[in-house]
Amino acid sequence: MAATSKEALDSLLSDFDQIHTEFIQQTVEIQTLQSRCNSEIKRREAAESTLTILKSENERVMRLYTGSISKLATQLERRSDCQSLKEELKRVNDEYTKNENEFRNAINQLKHDYENRIQGLEVQIKKRQMNQPLISSTKI
């Protein structure tokens, strides 16, 4: 029986050693998993930090882009307005030139008409002056 009890004790010790070894292995595995978990937590935090920075940078770039697009739209609008004003100025200048030419032509026509009238009146005056001495001499 002593041999049986020694075998049982050896078996118990062997089982205990195996349980102890497995416990140590599992403890090491738990520590490894905890280390990996902590590493993953740090990686996640770094990724979240990077994400926050990228979101902030994206918002900044979007504001710049929106500002640039707004400025471009304003420039295009101003360019269009400027082109319209240039066309309007050309039209008004052309109209002014046309009116000025019409005015000059009208003035020249009036000068010509008045010169003709003056010449006609001068001719009438000369005729009357020539006829006047005749009329005066016939009355005497």
Foldseek 3Di string as FASTA:
>chain_A
DVVVVVVVVVVVVVVVVVVVVVVVVVVVVVVVVVVVVVVVVVVVVVVVVVVVVVVVVVVVVVVVVVVVVVVVVVVVVVVVVVVVVVVVVVVVVVVVVVVVVVVVVVVVVVVVVVVVVVVVVVVVVVVCVVVVVVVVVVVD
